[in-house]
Protein backbone atom coordinates (compact mmCIF):
# COMPACT_ATOMS: atom_id res chain seq x y z
CA MET A 1 107.49 111.37 86.79
CA LYS A 2 109.41 113.69 89.65
CA LYS A 3 111.38 110.63 90.57
CA ILE A 4 112.32 109.55 86.87
CA ILE A 5 113.41 112.99 86.73
CA SER A 6 115.58 113.42 89.44
CA PHE A 7 116.80 110.04 88.73
CA LEU A 8 118.22 111.56 85.55
CA THR A 9 119.65 114.61 87.45
CA PHE A 10 120.90 112.48 89.61
CA ILE A 11 122.80 110.73 86.48
CA LEU A 12 123.86 114.42 84.88
CA MET A 13 125.21 115.49 87.68
CA ALA A 14 127.29 112.32 88.63
CA ILE A 15 128.75 112.42 85.01
CA PHE A 16 129.40 116.23 85.54
CA THR A 17 130.94 115.68 88.98
CA GLY A 18 132.73 112.81 87.89
CA PHE A 19 134.66 114.67 84.96
CA ILE A 20 135.59 117.66 87.10
CA PHE A 21 137.55 114.88 89.53
CA ALA A 22 138.67 113.22 86.90
CA ALA A 23 140.43 116.40 85.26
CA VAL A 24 141.62 117.23 89.08
CA LEU A 25 142.89 113.89 89.76
CA GLY A 26 144.17 112.97 86.18
CA VAL A 27 142.52 109.91 86.24
CA ASN A 28 140.05 108.15 83.43
CA PRO A 29 136.43 109.66 84.09
CA ILE A 30 135.17 106.15 83.83
CA ILE A 31 136.44 105.49 87.27
CA THR A 32 135.54 109.12 88.81
CA VAL A 33 131.89 108.99 87.27
CA GLY A 34 131.04 105.19 88.58
CA ALA A 35 132.24 106.25 91.90
CA VAL A 36 129.84 109.02 92.35
CA ILE A 37 127.17 107.29 91.00
CA GLY A 38 127.90 104.39 93.47
CA LEU A 39 128.13 106.80 96.39
CA GLY A 40 124.88 108.61 95.41
CA ALA A 41 127.30 111.83 96.85
CA ILE A 42 125.79 114.34 94.52
CA PRO A 43 125.48 117.35 97.51
CA MET A 44 122.75 119.13 95.60
CA PRO A 45 120.21 120.13 97.42
CA PHE A 46 117.56 120.06 94.72
CA LEU A 47 117.57 116.72 95.18
CA SER A 48 115.75 116.44 97.95
CA GLY A 49 112.06 118.11 98.42
CA ALA A 50 113.26 118.52 102.24
CA ILE A 51 115.73 120.80 101.49
CA MET A 52 114.82 122.58 98.51
CA PHE A 53 111.54 124.79 98.56
CA ASN A 54 109.69 125.66 95.75
CA TRP A 55 110.11 129.24 95.75
CA ALA A 56 107.06 131.65 93.85
CA SER A 57 106.74 135.38 92.80
CA LEU A 58 103.80 136.41 95.16
CA THR A 59 101.89 138.84 93.01
CA TRP A 60 98.36 140.11 93.31
CA ALA A 61 95.90 140.79 90.09
CA ASP A 62 93.97 143.54 90.39
CA GLY A 63 89.76 142.47 90.65
CA THR A 64 91.38 139.46 92.76
CA LYS A 65 88.58 137.55 94.31
CA ASN A 66 89.08 137.50 98.23
CA MET A 67 86.46 136.87 100.36
CA GLY A 68 86.75 136.14 103.56
CA GLY A 69 85.32 133.27 105.71
CA LEU A 70 84.10 129.77 105.72
CA LYS A 71 81.12 128.24 103.89
CA THR A 72 78.58 127.03 105.63
CA ILE A 73 79.39 123.06 105.71
CA GLY A 74 82.39 121.82 106.45
CA TYR A 75 83.20 117.90 107.51
CA PHE A 76 84.66 115.44 109.88
CA ILE A 77 85.72 111.94 110.85
CA ALA A 78 87.86 110.10 113.14
CA VAL A 79 91.28 109.37 112.64
CA ASP A 80 90.23 105.56 113.92
CA ASP A 81 87.75 105.72 111.03
CA CYS A 82 90.74 105.94 108.15
CA THR A 83 92.36 103.37 106.15
CA THR A 84 94.82 106.33 104.60
CA ILE A 85 94.93 109.79 105.14
CA PRO A 86 96.88 111.59 102.99
CA THR A 87 100.03 113.37 103.73
CA LEU A 88 102.10 116.28 101.75
CA PRO A 89 104.47 114.93 99.24
CA GLY A 90 107.65 114.17 99.58
CA SER A 91 109.48 115.69 96.84
CA PRO A 92 106.99 118.51 95.57
CA ALA A 93 107.68 120.15 92.36
CA THR A 94 105.84 123.11 92.63
CA ALA A 95 104.41 126.09 95.48
CA GLU A 96 101.10 124.28 95.25
CA GLU A 97 102.41 121.03 95.71
CA GLU A 98 104.40 122.00 99.15
CA VAL A 99 100.95 122.28 100.70
CA THR A 100 98.39 120.42 99.30
CA LEU A 101 97.66 116.82 100.57
CA GLU A 102 98.50 114.14 97.95
CA GLY A 103 96.36 111.66 97.16
CA ASP A 104 92.63 110.63 98.55
CA PHE A 105 91.01 110.31 102.00
CA ASP A 106 90.47 106.41 101.89
CA VAL A 107 87.78 105.88 104.46
CA GLY A 108 86.89 101.90 103.66
CA ASP A 109 83.26 101.25 104.68
CA ASN A 110 83.37 104.78 106.69
CA ASN A 111 82.40 108.12 106.00
CA PHE A 112 82.86 111.72 106.41
CA PHE A 113 79.77 113.71 108.46
CA LYS A 114 78.86 116.90 107.77
CA LEU A 115 79.10 120.03 110.22
CA TYR A 116 77.29 123.30 109.76
CA SER A 117 77.89 126.28 111.44
CA THR A 118 76.56 129.75 111.56
CA GLN A 119 77.62 132.14 108.60
CA GLU A 120 79.90 134.45 109.37
CA THR A 121 81.06 133.00 112.91
CA SER A 122 83.68 130.67 111.68
CA GLU A 123 87.46 131.24 110.50
CA VAL A 124 90.69 129.01 110.28
CA MET A 125 93.59 130.36 111.84
CA ASP A 126 97.47 129.57 111.29
CA GLU A 127 99.95 130.36 114.11
CA ASN A 128 103.12 130.58 113.89
CA GLN A 129 105.08 129.15 116.86
CA GLY A 130 108.34 128.20 118.12
CA ASP A 131 111.90 130.06 118.58
CA LEU A 132 113.71 130.68 115.49
CA ASP A 133 115.14 128.01 113.36
CA GLY A 134 112.30 125.62 114.87
CA GLN A 135 109.49 126.94 114.31
CA SER A 136 106.41 125.10 112.88
CA PHE A 137 102.15 126.36 112.96
CA ILE A 138 99.53 125.84 114.96
CA HIS A 139 96.25 125.01 112.59
CA LYS A 140 93.40 126.27 114.17
CA ALA A 141 89.57 126.66 113.57
CA GLU A 142 86.13 128.16 115.58
CA ILE A 143 83.41 126.68 114.76
CA PHE A 144 79.95 128.10 116.30
CA TYR A 145 76.66 125.43 115.77
CA PRO A 146 73.40 126.71 116.97
CA GLY A 147 71.58 125.27 119.52
CA THR A 148 71.48 122.43 122.32
CA SER A 149 70.16 119.35 120.65
CA ALA A 150 70.66 116.04 121.58
CA GLU A 151 72.58 115.28 118.45
CA ALA A 152 74.94 118.35 119.37
CA LEU A 153 75.53 117.22 122.36
CA ALA A 154 76.02 113.58 121.86
CA PHE A 155 78.76 115.29 119.42
CA ALA A 156 80.80 117.02 121.87
CA ALA A 157 80.49 114.02 124.25
CA ALA A 158 82.22 111.87 121.52
CA VAL A 159 84.73 114.76 120.30
CA ASN A 160 86.02 115.84 123.36
CA ASN A 161 89.17 113.21 123.68
CA SER A 162 89.22 111.87 120.16
CA ASN A 163 91.65 112.02 117.16
CA MET A 164 89.87 113.96 114.45
CA ILE A 165 90.06 114.91 110.88
CA PHE A 166 88.28 118.29 109.91
CA ILE A 167 88.11 119.65 106.43
CA PHE A 168 86.35 122.82 106.46
CA GLU A 169 85.90 125.06 102.94
CA GLU A 170 86.93 128.86 102.24
CA SER A 171 84.27 130.95 100.38
CA THR A 172 86.32 130.82 97.43
CA GLY A 173 86.15 126.96 97.22
CA GLN A 174 89.45 125.99 98.69
CA ARG A 175 89.65 123.62 101.13
CA ARG A 176 91.84 123.25 104.31
CA VAL A 177 92.05 120.38 106.32
CA ILE A 178 93.04 120.38 110.13
CA GLY A 179 94.08 117.23 111.68
CA SER A 180 96.97 114.58 110.31
CA GLU A 181 97.84 111.16 111.36
CA ALA A 182 100.85 112.39 113.06
CA PHE A 183 98.69 115.31 114.73
CA PRO A 184 95.33 114.70 115.00
CA ALA A 185 93.31 117.47 115.54
CA LYS A 186 91.65 117.79 118.68
CA CYS A 187 88.29 119.44 119.62
CA LYS A 188 87.72 121.64 123.01
CA PRO A 189 83.53 121.81 122.72
CA SER A 190 81.51 124.10 125.20
CA PHE A 191 77.92 125.62 125.19
CA THR A 192 75.80 128.31 126.04
CA THR A 193 71.89 128.51 126.32
CA GLY A 194 72.75 132.59 126.67
CA LYS A 195 70.68 135.02 129.82
CA ALA A 196 68.44 136.49 127.21
CA THR A 197 66.27 135.44 124.80
CA ALA A 198 68.08 137.15 121.95
CA ASP A 199 71.50 135.84 123.34
CA ARG A 200 73.06 133.46 120.75
CA LYS A 201 72.49 129.92 122.12
CA GLY A 202 74.72 126.61 120.85
CA MET A 203 77.99 125.28 120.69
CA THR A 204 81.62 126.95 120.20
CA MET A 205 84.31 124.28 119.13
CA GLU A 206 87.84 125.05 119.32
CA ILE A 207 89.76 122.68 117.03
CA THR A 208 93.56 122.92 116.90
CA SER A 209 96.57 120.56 115.10
CA TYR A 210 99.79 121.10 114.05
CA GLY A 211 102.89 120.85 111.09
CA TYR A 212 105.23 122.50 109.40
CA THR A 213 102.90 124.05 106.91
CA PRO A 214 99.78 126.36 107.25
CA ALA A 215 96.53 123.73 107.35
CA PRO A 216 97.43 121.84 104.24
CA LEU A 217 95.05 121.85 100.99
CA TYR A 218 93.15 118.92 99.88
CA THR A 219 91.61 118.45 96.49
CA GLY A 220 90.54 114.87 96.70
CA LYS A 221 87.49 113.29 97.35
CA ILE A 222 84.84 113.19 100.43
CA LYS A 223 83.00 110.52 101.01
CA LEU A 224 79.68 111.01 102.80
CA ALA A 225 76.73 108.33 103.69
CA ASP A 226 74.95 109.19 100.72
CA GLU A 227 77.47 111.19 98.16
CA THR A 228 81.11 111.41 97.53
CA ILE A 229 82.24 115.08 96.78
CA SER A 230 85.00 115.09 94.10
């Protein structure tokens, strides 16, 4: 539908521009309109989603729920286990589409795995990087998994140099994705047994990736071994 709208917009602008050229040059409008359409030379930035941003007002309603933190269950999968990794749309029509992945993760016969984190120990952060006119974002997450079980140690060994995708859910239900086909997520796991019996014992994961937007939103399906979350 967006492509059809863009095409119709192009035709209308071609006709408009062609008539202007025809008036200036004193020729038949059919000639100038045909030339413009043939060249595809309408310098209108709104025809390209990469040029024109869908601005939206940033307002705040009284009573808006805005609890911080992440839910205790996230999800992960290796990039190599994905058949298709969704990307941001090429021609977003709304501000929401600017930062929302298009489509679902297709993982074939593989599946995402759950990743538990201790409540109020984990967060997703988006940090700006780069010089003026060359800025982008670093997507970061810090996750704490309690304990030093064999499964946790094995996860750390496997994820240490792997290309990954992580999905974390904010307390509001918004899902954020760290990692993409272009910039897979990298994870640096570290463990501590603690010194005192009251110390926190477990694995801290520092997860990073990169993008032109903050860590994007995902509204698609998450296929697990025993269920699919819609």
